[in-house]
Every structure is written in C-alpha cells, then in structure tokens.
Amino acid sequence: MMQGTEISPAVCNKVPAIFLVINNGRLDMVEKAMKFGGDRVVGAIYEVPLHAAKFSQSLGAASFRCHKEEEIETALIFALQHDGPTVIEVIVDPDEIPPTLSREKNKKK
C-alpha cells in the first residue's frame, strides 16, 4: 500500500474488493534490499507508520486492523459478505525476513 488511493474508486463504485495490507511500519522490500545489499537503510522506515485502517476508513471503506489471527478471520468473514470494499490491515513483525529474501541471502553464501 504505497499509495492506497485505489480504495476511493472502489468505494465510489461499491466494488466488493478485499484489500489485504501487511503492515510492518516500513517500505519492506525497499528496506530489506538496502539492508542486505549494503547494510545502509535510508528513508524506508516510517517514523510515524501508516495506519491503513484509519486511512481506508477516511476514504469510506470498511476497515479492520488486526494483531491476532482470530481478528483476521473475523475481518475476512465480514469482507466476504460486505457489498463494498474492505481493507484488512495486518500488523506484522518488522524484522521478519520474507522467504524470497532468505533464499537470495543463502545464494550469496
């Protein structure tokens, strides 16, 4: 969700889309690439992280902010029955290394 404004036309047209935002408070792919590519990270970690649920709500979408697995299930059940867009923001560990990056890191060894 680098921009997020695609939510607005979905709201205006009542598109029953489900937007799943995995939020670790940074531009993850950019941050991880800088960190593992040169040990220097510039501008990829937010001092004030995006609150995607509030942002989405301000555009008129139904929204959820989930910290636990049960909350995700509740949000998905709602989203599948909702007649407009739903944004489900899932807060995750910022230090988690995605599987694709761990494979690349192992190739360098």
Protein backbone atom coordinates (compact mmCIF):
# COMPACT_ATOMS: atom_id res chain seq x y z
CA MET A 1 0.00 0.00 0.00
CA MET A 2 2.41 2.62 -1.21
CA GLN A 3 -0.42 4.91 -2.34
CA GLY A 4 -3.75 3.45 -1.25
CA THR A 5 -5.91 5.83 -3.22
CA GLU A 6 -7.23 2.98 -5.36
CA ILE A 7 -9.59 2.42 -2.44
CA SER A 8 -11.54 5.58 -3.33
CA PRO A 9 -12.88 4.43 -6.73
CA ALA A 10 -13.69 1.04 -5.20
CA VAL A 11 -15.79 2.86 -2.57
CA CYS A 12 -17.45 5.14 -5.16
CA ASN A 13 -18.40 2.15 -7.32
CA LYS A 14 -19.26 -0.19 -4.42
CA VAL A 15 -16.76 -2.78 -5.60
CA PRO A 16 -16.71 -5.67 -3.12
CA ALA A 17 -12.91 -5.86 -3.19
CA ILE A 18 -10.82 -7.06 -0.29
CA PHE A 19 -7.54 -5.21 0.22
CA LEU A 20 -5.13 -7.04 2.49
CA VAL A 21 -2.37 -4.78 3.82
CA ILE A 22 0.57 -6.43 5.55
CA ASN A 23 1.92 -3.59 7.70
CA ASN A 24 5.33 -3.67 9.35
CA GLY A 25 5.76 0.10 9.54
CA ARG A 26 8.14 0.40 6.61
CA LEU A 27 8.56 0.01 2.88
CA ASP A 28 9.58 -3.58 3.45
CA MET A 29 11.04 -4.65 0.12
CA VAL A 30 12.99 -1.40 -0.17
CA GLU A 31 14.25 -1.58 3.42
CA LYS A 32 15.26 -5.25 3.21
CA ALA A 33 17.03 -4.76 -0.13
CA MET A 34 19.04 -1.83 1.25
CA LYS A 35 19.83 -3.65 4.49
CA PHE A 36 21.04 -6.87 2.87
CA GLY A 37 22.51 -5.21 -0.21
CA GLY A 38 24.69 -2.71 1.52
CA ASP A 39 23.90 -2.51 5.25
CA ARG A 40 22.59 1.05 4.84
CA VAL A 41 18.89 1.92 5.05
CA VAL A 42 17.69 5.38 4.03
CA GLY A 43 14.06 6.55 4.01
CA ALA A 44 12.35 3.18 4.11
CA ILE A 45 11.36 3.07 7.79
CA TYR A 46 8.48 5.32 8.80
CA GLU A 47 8.88 7.44 11.94
CA VAL A 48 5.08 7.51 12.10
CA PRO A 49 3.83 4.28 10.50
CA LEU A 50 0.77 4.26 8.27
CA HIS A 51 -2.48 3.34 9.99
CA ALA A 52 -4.07 1.74 6.92
CA ALA A 53 -7.38 1.03 8.65
CA LYS A 54 -7.90 4.70 9.55
CA PHE A 55 -6.75 5.85 6.11
CA SER A 56 -9.16 3.44 4.42
CA GLN A 57 -11.98 4.45 6.71
CA SER A 58 -11.37 8.11 5.78
CA LEU A 59 -11.98 7.11 2.15
CA GLY A 60 -15.25 5.40 3.06
CA ALA A 61 -14.17 1.75 3.09
CA ALA A 62 -14.92 -0.74 5.81
CA SER A 63 -11.68 -1.43 7.63
CA PHE A 64 -10.07 -3.63 10.23
CA ARG A 65 -6.71 -3.51 11.98
CA CYS A 66 -5.65 -6.99 13.06
CA HIS A 67 -2.98 -8.02 15.54
CA LYS A 68 -4.16 -11.61 16.09
CA GLU A 69 -5.14 -14.47 13.81
CA GLU A 70 -8.72 -14.53 15.16
CA GLU A 71 -9.15 -10.88 14.20
CA ILE A 72 -8.16 -11.69 10.61
CA GLU A 73 -10.77 -14.44 10.45
CA THR A 74 -13.47 -12.08 11.74
CA ALA A 75 -12.45 -9.41 9.22
CA LEU A 76 -12.49 -11.88 6.31
CA ILE A 77 -15.94 -13.18 7.23
CA PHE A 78 -17.22 -9.60 7.25
CA ALA A 79 -15.44 -8.70 3.99
CA LEU A 80 -16.84 -11.69 2.11
CA GLN A 81 -20.39 -10.57 2.98
CA HIS A 82 -19.86 -6.81 2.57
CA ASP A 83 -21.22 -5.07 -0.54
CA GLY A 84 -18.31 -2.64 -0.82
CA PRO A 85 -14.55 -2.63 -0.35
CA THR A 86 -12.96 -3.80 2.88
CA VAL A 87 -9.39 -3.11 3.93
CA ILE A 88 -7.83 -5.62 6.30
CA GLU A 89 -4.62 -4.33 7.82
CA VAL A 90 -2.47 -6.99 9.46
CA ILE A 91 0.26 -5.76 11.79
CA VAL A 92 3.38 -7.93 11.46
CA ASP A 93 6.88 -8.13 12.89
CA PRO A 94 9.16 -5.65 11.08
CA ASP A 95 12.16 -7.96 11.48
CA GLU A 96 10.55 -10.94 9.73
CA ILE A 97 12.53 -11.95 6.64
CA PRO A 98 10.32 -12.95 3.69
CA PRO A 99 11.03 -16.39 2.18
CA THR A 100 12.17 -14.94 -1.15
CA LEU A 101 14.79 -12.76 0.53
CA SER A 102 16.10 -15.59 2.71
CA ARG A 103 16.63 -17.65 -0.47
CA GLU A 104 18.61 -14.77 -2.03
CA LYS A 105 20.64 -14.31 1.13
CA ASN A 106 21.55 -18.04 1.13
CA LYS A 107 22.69 -17.86 -2.54
CA LYS A 108 25.35 -15.29 -1.58
CA LYS A 109 26.96 -17.64 0.96
